[in-house]
């Protein structure tokens, strides 16, 4: 049998902001691996921690209003049904421009192959409108495979979504239409403002692709939060997402993924996300309960 190497993707991991035990857990519990199989993880971690100590402190930053020419594109985004469902109903979002160098990261790793793929979609020196469209995409799904009562979607990105709660609508024929909508997960560049910190809650790879093209401020939707719990950091258990680091002089930033001194390269097997929807119809009978007997001398109506 022919032996083929499994396809992998390159990832930058913010090792300089991780505890040694956290690196050990990542290597044992996930499919991340060092690019050099002969390298010692402890040595790579130690070098990254030392590089972290040489980073400059984080300077203060604010979100600026959108320029006038981007107000109409922002209005069109607000009219999307996905925006109304996932943003307008959730919080008071606004549109603005955020400085990439000041954005705190919501994750400890970034797929640099994906960053390269996204950057290739951008022209050199892209216009403000091109940057806005890139930052506020409206995703589309690849047509699914249908097999009997099952519908299967596949994507190379983690962008597939379907609410398990069906929509029920009456029809003109006296029946009911029951639907579940599969869609591309909303993928707008999104920032949470916590005190004097700007936390990028979605769009790490797009932000890095824009930075590689020389863009310094990016369009985003943003909201204020009163507590870190409101941000919903998926990897909140790691040291870099705890309050002493988040509120410290130098938290982990999105831009740090482009600094190999603190974020060395790892590899991970390439995968596709699969979304499977199955329709099951079941009909059965149940016995009726006994009719309660009336007390003696009492009539029943």
C-alpha atoms as a PDB file:
ATOM      1  CA  UNK A   1       0.000   0.000   0.000  1.00  0.00           C
ATOM      2  CA  UNK A   2       1.287   3.453  -0.878  1.00  0.00           C
ATOM      3  CA  UNK A   3       2.365   5.461   2.172  1.00  0.00           C
ATOM      4  CA  UNK A   4       1.330   9.099   1.963  1.00  0.00           C
ATOM      5  CA  UNK A   5       2.012  11.764   4.541  1.00  0.00           C
ATOM      6  CA  UNK A   6      -1.107  13.215   6.105  1.00  0.00           C
ATOM      7  CA  UNK A   7      -1.755  16.845   5.018  1.00  0.00           C
ATOM      8  CA  UNK A   8      -0.919  19.344   7.730  1.00  0.00           C
ATOM      9  CA  UNK A   9      -1.342  23.060   8.317  1.00  0.00           C
ATOM     10  CA  UNK A  10       1.037  25.473   9.986  1.00  0.00           C
ATOM     11  CA  UNK A  11      -0.069  27.218  13.167  1.00  0.00           C
ATOM     12  CA  UNK A  12       1.543  29.865  15.310  1.00  0.00           C
ATOM     13  CA  UNK A  13       1.105  29.145  19.035  1.00  0.00           C
ATOM     14  CA  UNK A  14       1.580  31.910  21.627  1.00  0.00           C
ATOM     15  CA  UNK A  15       3.986  29.827  23.651  1.00  0.00           C
ATOM     16  CA  UNK A  16       5.496  32.863  25.353  1.00  0.00           C
ATOM     17  CA  UNK A  17       2.175  33.513  27.105  1.00  0.00           C
ATOM     18  CA  UNK A  18       1.528  29.911  28.170  1.00  0.00           C
ATOM     19  CA  UNK A  19       2.511  28.052  31.305  1.00  0.00           C
ATOM     20  CA  UNK A  20       4.765  25.034  30.839  1.00  0.00           C
ATOM     21  CA  UNK A  21       1.952  22.780  32.060  1.00  0.00           C
ATOM     22  CA  UNK A  22      -0.413  24.336  29.489  1.00  0.00           C
ATOM     23  CA  UNK A  23       2.006  23.481  26.678  1.00  0.00           C
ATOM     24  CA  UNK A  24       2.229  19.921  27.975  1.00  0.00           C
ATOM     25  CA  UNK A  25      -1.576  19.666  27.990  1.00  0.00           C
ATOM     26  CA  UNK A  26      -1.813  21.021  24.442  1.00  0.00           C
ATOM     27  CA  UNK A  27       0.733  18.494  23.160  1.00  0.00           C
ATOM     28  CA  UNK A  28      -0.928  15.561  24.974  1.00  0.00           C
ATOM     29  CA  UNK A  29      -4.582  16.434  24.408  1.00  0.00           C
ATOM     30  CA  UNK A  30      -4.569  17.906  20.889  1.00  0.00           C
ATOM     31  CA  UNK A  31      -2.947  17.117  17.546  1.00  0.00           C
ATOM     32  CA  UNK A  32      -0.486  20.038  17.680  1.00  0.00           C
ATOM     33  CA  UNK A  33       3.157  19.039  17.169  1.00  0.00           C
ATOM     34  CA  UNK A  34       6.449  20.889  16.889  1.00  0.00           C
ATOM     35  CA  UNK A  35       7.685  21.349  13.332  1.00  0.00           C
ATOM     36  CA  UNK A  36      11.048  19.894  14.359  1.00  0.00           C
ATOM     37  CA  UNK A  37      10.400  16.407  15.787  1.00  0.00           C
ATOM     38  CA  UNK A  38      13.825  16.448  17.435  1.00  0.00           C
ATOM     39  CA  UNK A  39      13.239  19.719  19.283  1.00  0.00           C
ATOM     40  CA  UNK A  40      12.487  19.633  22.990  1.00  0.00           C
ATOM     41  CA  UNK A  41       9.219  21.319  23.854  1.00  0.00           C
ATOM     42  CA  UNK A  42      10.604  22.624  27.148  1.00  0.00           C
ATOM     43  CA  UNK A  43      13.486  24.383  25.374  1.00  0.00           C
ATOM     44  CA  UNK A  44      11.177  25.994  22.800  1.00  0.00           C
ATOM     45  CA  UNK A  45       8.854  27.129  25.586  1.00  0.00           C
ATOM     46  CA  UNK A  46      11.713  28.616  27.620  1.00  0.00           C
ATOM     47  CA  UNK A  47      13.005  30.639  24.661  1.00  0.00           C
ATOM     48  CA  UNK A  48       9.508  31.983  23.961  1.00  0.00           C
ATOM     49  CA  UNK A  49       8.975  32.979  27.588  1.00  0.00           C
ATOM     50  CA  UNK A  50      12.247  34.899  27.544  1.00  0.00           C
ATOM     51  CA  UNK A  51      11.194  36.675  24.331  1.00  0.00           C
ATOM     52  CA  UNK A  52       7.910  37.675  25.964  1.00  0.00           C
ATOM     53  CA  UNK A  53       9.839  39.525  28.650  1.00  0.00           C
ATOM     54  CA  UNK A  54      11.434  41.743  25.976  1.00  0.00           C
ATOM     55  CA  UNK A  55       8.111  42.912  24.485  1.00  0.00           C
ATOM     56  CA  UNK A  56       7.168  46.583  24.772  1.00  0.00           C
ATOM     57  CA  UNK A  57       4.254  47.474  27.085  1.00  0.00           C
ATOM     58  CA  UNK A  58       0.835  47.937  25.516  1.00  0.00           C
ATOM     59  CA  UNK A  59       0.022  51.549  24.717  1.00  0.00           C
ATOM     60  CA  UNK A  60      -3.486  52.946  25.115  1.00  0.00           C
ATOM     61  CA  UNK A  61      -5.835  52.905  22.119  1.00  0.00           C
ATOM     62  CA  UNK A  62      -9.408  53.757  21.163  1.00  0.00           C
ATOM     63  CA  UNK A  63     -11.895  52.772  18.491  1.00  0.00           C
ATOM     64  CA  UNK A  64     -12.440  55.551  15.980  1.00  0.00           C
ATOM     65  CA  UNK A  65     -15.685  56.245  14.050  1.00  0.00           C
ATOM     66  CA  UNK A  66     -16.052  54.941  10.515  1.00  0.00           C
ATOM     67  CA  UNK A  67     -15.211  57.459   7.770  1.00  0.00           C
ATOM     68  CA  UNK A  68     -18.173  58.884   5.885  1.00  0.00           C
ATOM     69  CA  UNK A  69     -17.591  56.744   2.787  1.00  0.00           C
ATOM     70  CA  UNK A  70     -18.117  53.550   4.848  1.00  0.00           C
ATOM     71  CA  UNK A  71     -21.420  54.553   6.436  1.00  0.00           C
ATOM     72  CA  UNK A  72     -23.497  53.179   3.552  1.00  0.00           C
ATOM     73  CA  UNK A  73     -21.707  49.774   3.492  1.00  0.00           C
ATOM     74  CA  UNK A  74     -22.257  49.591   7.273  1.00  0.00           C
ATOM     75  CA  UNK A  75     -25.964  50.291   6.785  1.00  0.00           C
ATOM     76  CA  UNK A  76     -26.193  47.391   4.323  1.00  0.00           C
ATOM     77  CA  UNK A  77     -24.533  45.059   6.849  1.00  0.00           C
ATOM     78  CA  UNK A  78     -27.108  46.092   9.473  1.00  0.00           C
ATOM     79  CA  UNK A  79     -29.872  45.033   7.082  1.00  0.00           C
ATOM     80  CA  UNK A  80     -28.616  41.453   6.795  1.00  0.00           C
ATOM     81  CA  UNK A  81     -30.826  38.899   8.514  1.00  0.00           C
ATOM     82  CA  UNK A  82     -27.731  37.278  10.053  1.00  0.00           C
ATOM     83  CA  UNK A  83     -26.733  40.620  11.607  1.00  0.00           C
ATOM     84  CA  UNK A  84     -30.189  41.125  13.079  1.00  0.00           C
ATOM     85  CA  UNK A  85     -30.204  37.600  14.515  1.00  0.00           C
ATOM     86  CA  UNK A  86     -26.660  37.281  15.876  1.00  0.00           C
ATOM     87  CA  UNK A  87     -25.719  40.880  16.660  1.00  0.00           C
ATOM     88  CA  UNK A  88     -28.672  43.273  16.898  1.00  0.00           C
ATOM     89  CA  UNK A  89     -30.627  40.965  19.212  1.00  0.00           C
ATOM     90  CA  UNK A  90     -27.619  40.269  21.430  1.00  0.00           C
ATOM     91  CA  UNK A  91     -26.093  43.650  22.300  1.00  0.00           C
ATOM     92  CA  UNK A  92     -25.752  47.303  21.321  1.00  0.00           C
ATOM     93  CA  UNK A  93     -23.129  47.001  18.594  1.00  0.00           C
ATOM     94  CA  UNK A  94     -21.565  49.938  16.806  1.00  0.00           C
ATOM     95  CA  UNK A  95     -19.282  50.185  13.791  1.00  0.00           C
ATOM     96  CA  UNK A  96     -15.799  51.654  13.993  1.00  0.00           C
ATOM     97  CA  UNK A  97     -12.092  51.375  13.195  1.00  0.00           C
ATOM     98  CA  UNK A  98      -9.808  49.474  15.589  1.00  0.00           C
ATOM     99  CA  UNK A  99      -5.983  49.593  15.632  1.00  0.00           C
ATOM    100  CA  UNK A 100      -4.643  46.090  14.955  1.00  0.00           C
ATOM    101  CA  UNK A 101      -1.563  46.549  17.147  1.00  0.00           C
ATOM    102  CA  UNK A 102      -3.760  47.148  20.215  1.00  0.00           C
ATOM    103  CA  UNK A 103      -6.087  44.153  19.838  1.00  0.00           C
ATOM    104  CA  UNK A 104      -5.913  41.424  22.485  1.00  0.00           C
ATOM    105  CA  UNK A 105      -6.196  37.897  21.114  1.00  0.00           C
ATOM    106  CA  UNK A 106      -9.118  35.582  22.014  1.00  0.00           C
ATOM    107  CA  UNK A 107      -7.138  32.407  21.184  1.00  0.00           C
ATOM    108  CA  UNK A 108      -3.685  30.916  21.702  1.00  0.00           C
ATOM    109  CA  UNK A 109      -3.113  29.728  18.117  1.00  0.00           C
ATOM    110  CA  UNK A 110      -3.616  30.937  14.554  1.00  0.00           C
ATOM    111  CA  UNK A 111      -3.582  28.992  11.285  1.00  0.00           C
ATOM    112  CA  UNK A 112      -0.875  30.797   9.299  1.00  0.00           C
ATOM    113  CA  UNK A 113      -1.668  28.868   6.122  1.00  0.00           C
ATOM    114  CA  UNK A 114      -5.182  30.291   6.328  1.00  0.00           C
ATOM    115  CA  UNK A 115      -3.756  33.769   6.920  1.00  0.00           C
ATOM    116  CA  UNK A 116      -1.717  33.360   3.711  1.00  0.00           C
ATOM    117  CA  UNK A 117      -4.827  32.215   1.821  1.00  0.00           C
ATOM    118  CA  UNK A 118      -6.806  35.228   3.010  1.00  0.00           C
ATOM    119  CA  UNK A 119      -3.987  37.665   2.270  1.00  0.00           C
ATOM    120  CA  UNK A 120      -3.823  36.345  -1.312  1.00  0.00           C
ATOM    121  CA  UNK A 121      -7.424  37.532  -1.803  1.00  0.00           C
ATOM    122  CA  UNK A 122      -6.398  41.135  -1.114  1.00  0.00           C
ATOM    123  CA  UNK A 123      -4.700  43.452  -3.539  1.00  0.00           C
ATOM    124  CA  UNK A 124      -1.669  45.412  -2.435  1.00  0.00           C
ATOM    125  CA  UNK A 125      -2.724  48.700  -0.834  1.00  0.00           C
ATOM    126  CA  UNK A 126      -6.457  47.820  -0.813  1.00  0.00           C
ATOM    127  CA  UNK A 127      -9.002  50.632  -0.750  1.00  0.00           C
ATOM    128  CA  UNK A 128     -11.040  51.389   2.401  1.00  0.00           C
ATOM    129  CA  UNK A 129     -14.153  49.890   0.787  1.00  0.00           C
ATOM    130  CA  UNK A 130     -12.247  46.705  -0.148  1.00  0.00           C
ATOM    131  CA  UNK A 131     -10.959  46.406   3.424  1.00  0.00           C
ATOM    132  CA  UNK A 132     -14.509  46.872   4.759  1.00  0.00           C
ATOM    133  CA  UNK A 133     -15.949  44.184   2.473  1.00  0.00           C
ATOM    134  CA  UNK A 134     -13.133  41.837   3.490  1.00  0.00           C
ATOM    135  CA  UNK A 135     -13.799  42.490   7.185  1.00  0.00           C
ATOM    136  CA  UNK A 136     -17.580  42.107   6.944  1.00  0.00           C
ATOM    137  CA  UNK A 137     -18.138  39.112   4.639  1.00  0.00           C
ATOM    138  CA  UNK A 138     -21.450  37.458   3.955  1.00  0.00           C
ATOM    139  CA  UNK A 139     -20.590  33.758   3.803  1.00  0.00           C
ATOM    140  CA  UNK A 140     -22.104  31.130   1.531  1.00  0.00           C
ATOM    141  CA  UNK A 141     -22.208  27.377   1.949  1.00  0.00           C
ATOM    142  CA  UNK A 142     -21.039  24.839  -0.597  1.00  0.00           C
ATOM    143  CA  UNK A 143     -24.054  22.821  -1.858  1.00  0.00           C
ATOM    144  CA  UNK A 144     -24.618  19.768   0.385  1.00  0.00           C
ATOM    145  CA  UNK A 145     -24.751  16.055  -0.275  1.00  0.00           C
ATOM    146  CA  UNK A 146     -28.211  14.522   0.199  1.00  0.00           C
ATOM    147  CA  UNK A 147     -28.422  10.881   1.288  1.00  0.00           C
ATOM    148  CA  UNK A 148     -31.917   9.605   2.107  1.00  0.00           C
ATOM    149  CA  UNK A 149     -33.056  11.579   5.184  1.00  0.00           C
ATOM    150  CA  UNK A 150     -29.634  13.172   5.797  1.00  0.00           C
ATOM    151  CA  UNK A 151     -28.124  16.395   4.463  1.00  0.00           C
ATOM    152  CA  UNK A 152     -24.349  16.787   4.801  1.00  0.00           C
ATOM    153  CA  UNK A 153     -22.344  20.009   4.486  1.00  0.00           C
ATOM    154  CA  UNK A 154     -18.543  20.197   4.500  1.00  0.00           C
ATOM    155  CA  UNK A 155     -16.165  23.137   4.856  1.00  0.00           C
ATOM    156  CA  UNK A 156     -12.417  23.597   5.282  1.00  0.00           C
ATOM    157  CA  UNK A 157     -13.187  26.323   7.860  1.00  0.00           C
ATOM    158  CA  UNK A 158     -15.104  26.204  11.146  1.00  0.00           C
ATOM    159  CA  UNK A 159     -17.966  28.228   9.696  1.00  0.00           C
ATOM    160  CA  UNK A 160     -20.883  25.781   9.495  1.00  0.00           C
ATOM    161  CA  UNK A 161     -23.855  26.476  11.729  1.00  0.00           C
ATOM    162  CA  UNK A 162     -27.439  25.317  12.154  1.00  0.00           C
ATOM    163  CA  UNK A 163     -29.714  26.073  15.074  1.00  0.00           C
ATOM    164  CA  UNK A 164     -31.209  22.862  16.533  1.00  0.00           C
ATOM    165  CA  UNK A 165     -34.441  24.761  17.232  1.00  0.00           C
ATOM    166  CA  UNK A 166     -36.736  24.417  14.163  1.00  0.00           C
ATOM    167  CA  UNK A 167     -38.933  27.141  12.712  1.00  0.00           C
ATOM    168  CA  UNK A 168     -42.633  26.187  12.506  1.00  0.00           C
ATOM    169  CA  UNK A 169     -44.971  28.055  10.132  1.00  0.00           C
ATOM    170  CA  UNK A 170     -48.603  27.297   9.188  1.00  0.00           C
ATOM    171  CA  UNK A 171     -49.252  26.680   5.488  1.00  0.00           C
ATOM    172  CA  UNK A 172     -52.222  27.663   3.331  1.00  0.00           C
ATOM    173  CA  UNK A 173     -53.186  23.993   3.043  1.00  0.00           C
ATOM    174  CA  UNK A 174     -53.807  23.656   6.778  1.00  0.00           C
ATOM    175  CA  UNK A 175     -50.515  21.970   7.598  1.00  0.00           C
ATOM    176  CA  UNK A 176     -47.245  23.170   9.090  1.00  0.00           C
ATOM    177  CA  UNK A 177     -43.888  23.779   7.489  1.00  0.00           C
ATOM    178  CA  UNK A 178     -40.994  22.806   9.758  1.00  0.00           C
ATOM    179  CA  UNK A 179     -37.547  24.063   8.715  1.00  0.00           C
ATOM    180  CA  UNK A 180     -33.976  24.157   9.986  1.00  0.00           C
ATOM    181  CA  UNK A 181     -31.630  26.590   8.228  1.00  0.00           C
ATOM    182  CA  UNK A 182     -27.971  25.720   7.715  1.00  0.00           C
ATOM    183  CA  UNK A 183     -25.821  28.782   7.180  1.00  0.00           C
ATOM    184  CA  UNK A 184     -22.295  30.111   7.200  1.00  0.00           C
ATOM    185  CA  UNK A 185     -21.584  31.278  10.736  1.00  0.00           C
ATOM    186  CA  UNK A 186     -21.498  35.112  10.942  1.00  0.00           C
ATOM    187  CA  UNK A 187     -17.858  36.108  10.580  1.00  0.00           C
ATOM    188  CA  UNK A 188     -17.637  39.862  11.096  1.00  0.00           C
ATOM    189  CA  UNK A 189     -14.554  41.374  12.675  1.00  0.00           C
ATOM    190  CA  UNK A 190     -15.785  41.927  16.222  1.00  0.00           C
ATOM    191  CA  UNK A 191     -14.246  43.750  19.196  1.00  0.00           C
ATOM    192  CA  UNK A 192     -15.212  43.874  22.865  1.00  0.00           C
ATOM    193  CA  UNK A 193     -14.179  47.010  24.779  1.00  0.00           C
ATOM    194  CA  UNK A 194     -13.347  46.136  28.386  1.00  0.00           C
ATOM    195  CA  UNK A 195     -12.140  49.139  30.394  1.00  0.00           C
ATOM    196  CA  UNK A 196      -9.144  50.375  28.378  1.00  0.00           C
ATOM    197  CA  UNK A 197      -8.633  47.062  26.555  1.00  0.00           C
ATOM    198  CA  UNK A 198      -9.762  46.122  23.029  1.00  0.00           C
ATOM    199  CA  UNK A 199     -10.344  42.371  22.734  1.00  0.00           C
ATOM    200  CA  UNK A 200     -10.809  40.926  19.248  1.00  0.00           C
ATOM    201  CA  UNK A 201     -13.557  38.362  19.804  1.00  0.00           C
ATOM    202  CA  UNK A 202     -13.769  37.215  16.174  1.00  0.00           C
ATOM    203  CA  UNK A 203     -11.654  37.609  13.051  1.00  0.00           C
ATOM    204  CA  UNK A 204      -8.070  36.843  14.109  1.00  0.00           C
ATOM    205  CA  UNK A 205      -7.064  35.432  10.723  1.00  0.00           C
ATOM    206  CA  UNK A 206      -8.620  38.286   8.763  1.00  0.00           C
ATOM    207  CA  UNK A 207      -6.926  40.842  11.013  1.00  0.00           C
ATOM    208  CA  UNK A 208      -3.538  39.169  10.481  1.00  0.00           C
ATOM    209  CA  UNK A 209      -4.085  39.011   6.706  1.00  0.00           C
ATOM    210  CA  UNK A 210      -4.887  42.740   6.666  1.00  0.00           C
ATOM    211  CA  UNK A 211      -1.833  43.515   8.778  1.00  0.00           C
ATOM    212  CA  UNK A 212       0.355  41.632   6.320  1.00  0.00           C
ATOM    213  CA  UNK A 213      -0.997  43.935   3.617  1.00  0.00           C
ATOM    214  CA  UNK A 214       0.108  46.973   5.606  1.00  0.00           C
ATOM    215  CA  UNK A 215      -3.308  47.872   7.043  1.00  0.00           C
ATOM    216  CA  UNK A 216      -3.053  49.356  10.546  1.00  0.00           C
ATOM    217  CA  UNK A 217      -6.735  49.994  11.430  1.00  0.00           C
ATOM    218  CA  UNK A 218      -9.569  47.622  10.614  1.00  0.00           C
ATOM    219  CA  UNK A 219     -13.360  48.047  10.359  1.00  0.00           C
ATOM    220  CA  UNK A 220     -15.227  46.164  13.060  1.00  0.00           C
ATOM    221  CA  UNK A 221     -18.439  45.897  15.009  1.00  0.00           C
ATOM    222  CA  UNK A 222     -17.830  46.580  18.676  1.00  0.00           C
ATOM    223  CA  UNK A 223     -19.596  46.688  22.019  1.00  0.00           C
ATOM    224  CA  UNK A 224     -18.722  47.604  25.581  1.00  0.00           C
ATOM    225  CA  UNK A 225     -18.625  44.893  28.247  1.00  0.00           C
ATOM    226  CA  UNK A 226     -18.548  45.294  32.023  1.00  0.00           C
ATOM    227  CA  UNK A 227     -16.896  41.961  32.803  1.00  0.00           C
ATOM    228  CA  UNK A 228     -14.592  39.532  31.019  1.00  0.00           C
ATOM    229  CA  UNK A 229     -17.253  36.819  31.375  1.00  0.00           C
ATOM    230  CA  UNK A 230     -19.373  38.759  28.869  1.00  0.00           C
ATOM    231  CA  UNK A 231     -16.669  38.402  26.209  1.00  0.00           C
ATOM    232  CA  UNK A 232     -17.088  34.617  26.017  1.00  0.00           C
ATOM    233  CA  UNK A 233     -13.427  33.695  25.526  1.00  0.00           C
ATOM    234  CA  UNK A 234     -13.453  30.020  24.436  1.00  0.00           C
ATOM    235  CA  UNK A 235     -10.056  29.274  26.012  1.00  0.00           C
ATOM    236  CA  UNK A 236     -10.583  31.278  29.195  1.00  0.00           C
ATOM    237  CA  UNK A 237      -8.842  28.682  31.380  1.00  0.00           C
ATOM    238  CA  UNK A 238      -5.394  29.556  30.025  1.00  0.00           C
ATOM    239  CA  UNK A 239      -3.119  31.930  31.916  1.00  0.00           C
ATOM    240  CA  UNK A 240      -3.089  34.495  29.100  1.00  0.00           C
ATOM    241  CA  UNK A 241      -6.861  35.001  29.465  1.00  0.00           C
ATOM    242  CA  UNK A 242      -6.879  35.528  33.220  1.00  0.00           C
ATOM    243  CA  UNK A 243      -7.265  38.968  34.759  1.00  0.00           C
ATOM    244  CA  UNK A 244      -3.650  39.523  35.915  1.00  0.00           C
ATOM    245  CA  UNK A 245      -2.467  39.126  32.313  1.00  0.00           C
ATOM    246  CA  UNK A 246      -5.421  40.768  30.548  1.00  0.00           C
ATOM    247  CA  UNK A 247      -5.132  43.842  32.748  1.00  0.00           C
ATOM    248  CA  UNK A 248      -1.332  43.722  32.976  1.00  0.00           C
ATOM    249  CA  UNK A 249       1.167  45.913  31.157  1.00  0.00           C
ATOM    250  CA  UNK A 250       1.580  43.462  28.264  1.00  0.00           C
ATOM    251  CA  UNK A 251      -1.269  41.044  27.465  1.00  0.00           C
ATOM    252  CA  UNK A 252      -1.180  38.671  24.497  1.00  0.00           C
ATOM    253  CA  UNK A 253      -1.996  40.526  21.270  1.00  0.00           C
ATOM    254  CA  UNK A 254      -3.221  39.422  17.854  1.00  0.00           C
ATOM    255  CA  UNK A 255      -0.094  41.003  16.337  1.00  0.00           C
ATOM    256  CA  UNK A 256       2.059  38.630  18.419  1.00  0.00           C
ATOM    257  CA  UNK A 257       1.174  35.803  16.028  1.00  0.00           C
ATOM    258  CA  UNK A 258       3.485  37.479  13.490  1.00  0.00           C
ATOM    259  CA  UNK A 259       6.367  37.418  15.994  1.00  0.00           C
ATOM    260  CA  UNK A 260       7.906  33.942  15.845  1.00  0.00           C
ATOM    261  CA  UNK A 261      10.020  34.663  18.909  1.00  0.00           C
ATOM    262  CA  UNK A 262       6.940  34.433  21.158  1.00  0.00           C
ATOM    263  CA  UNK A 263       4.748  32.322  18.849  1.00  0.00           C
ATOM    264  CA  UNK A 264       6.773  29.505  17.244  1.00  0.00           C
ATOM    265  CA  UNK A 265       5.339  27.430  14.435  1.00  0.00           C
ATOM    266  CA  UNK A 266       3.577  24.129  15.092  1.00  0.00           C
ATOM    267  CA  UNK A 267       1.808  21.772  12.690  1.00  0.00           C
ATOM    268  CA  UNK A 268      -1.615  20.173  12.948  1.00  0.00           C
ATOM    269  CA  UNK A 269      -3.360  17.678  10.655  1.00  0.00           C
ATOM    270  CA  UNK A 270      -5.617  19.391   8.115  1.00  0.00           C
ATOM    271  CA  UNK A 271      -9.318  18.747   8.669  1.00  0.00           C
ATOM    272  CA  UNK A 272     -12.711  19.682   7.283  1.00  0.00           C
ATOM    273  CA  UNK A 273     -15.730  20.587   9.393  1.00  0.00           C
ATOM    274  CA  UNK A 274     -18.811  18.476   8.651  1.00  0.00           C
ATOM    275  CA  UNK A 275     -22.376  19.473   9.490  1.00  0.00           C
ATOM    276  CA  UNK A 276     -24.931  16.658   9.300  1.00  0.00           C
ATOM    277  CA  UNK A 277     -28.679  17.248   9.511  1.00  0.00           C
ATOM    278  CA  UNK A 278     -30.966  14.226   9.756  1.00  0.00           C
ATOM    279  CA  UNK A 279     -34.758  14.329   9.461  1.00  0.00           C
ATOM    280  CA  UNK A 280     -36.557  11.662  11.477  1.00  0.00           C
ATOM    281  CA  UNK A 281     -40.329  11.252  11.396  1.00  0.00           C
ATOM    282  CA  UNK A 282     -41.954   9.005  13.987  1.00  0.00           C
ATOM    283  CA  UNK A 283     -45.625   8.153  14.393  1.00  0.00           C
ATOM    284  CA  UNK A 284     -47.000   6.006  17.207  1.00  0.00           C
ATOM    285  CA  UNK A 285     -50.115   5.414  19.337  1.00  0.00           C
ATOM    286  CA  UNK A 286     -50.617   5.781  23.071  1.00  0.00           C
ATOM    287  CA  UNK A 287     -53.496   4.483  25.249  1.00  0.00           C
ATOM    288  CA  UNK A 288     -56.015   6.983  26.517  1.00  0.00           C
ATOM    289  CA  UNK A 289     -56.151   7.406  30.309  1.00  0.00           C
ATOM    290  CA  UNK A 290     -59.013   5.897  32.312  1.00  0.00           C
ATOM    291  CA  UNK A 291     -61.965   8.209  32.908  1.00  0.00           C
ATOM    292  CA  UNK A 292     -62.133   9.103  36.583  1.00  0.00           C
ATOM    293  CA  UNK A 293     -65.157   7.503  38.286  1.00  0.00           C
ATOM    294  CA  UNK A 294     -67.597   9.889  39.992  1.00  0.00           C
ATOM    295  CA  UNK A 295     -68.210   9.421  43.754  1.00  0.00           C
ATOM    296  CA  UNK A 296     -71.368   7.487  44.695  1.00  0.00           C
ATOM    297  CA  UNK A 297     -74.448   9.688  44.640  1.00  0.00           C
ATOM    298  CA  UNK A 298     -72.790  12.355  42.477  1.00  0.00           C
ATOM    299  CA  UNK A 299     -73.831  12.865  38.918  1.00  0.00           C
ATOM    300  CA  UNK A 300     -71.373  13.552  36.154  1.00  0.00           C
ATOM    301  CA  UNK A 301     -72.052  16.142  33.536  1.00  0.00           C
END
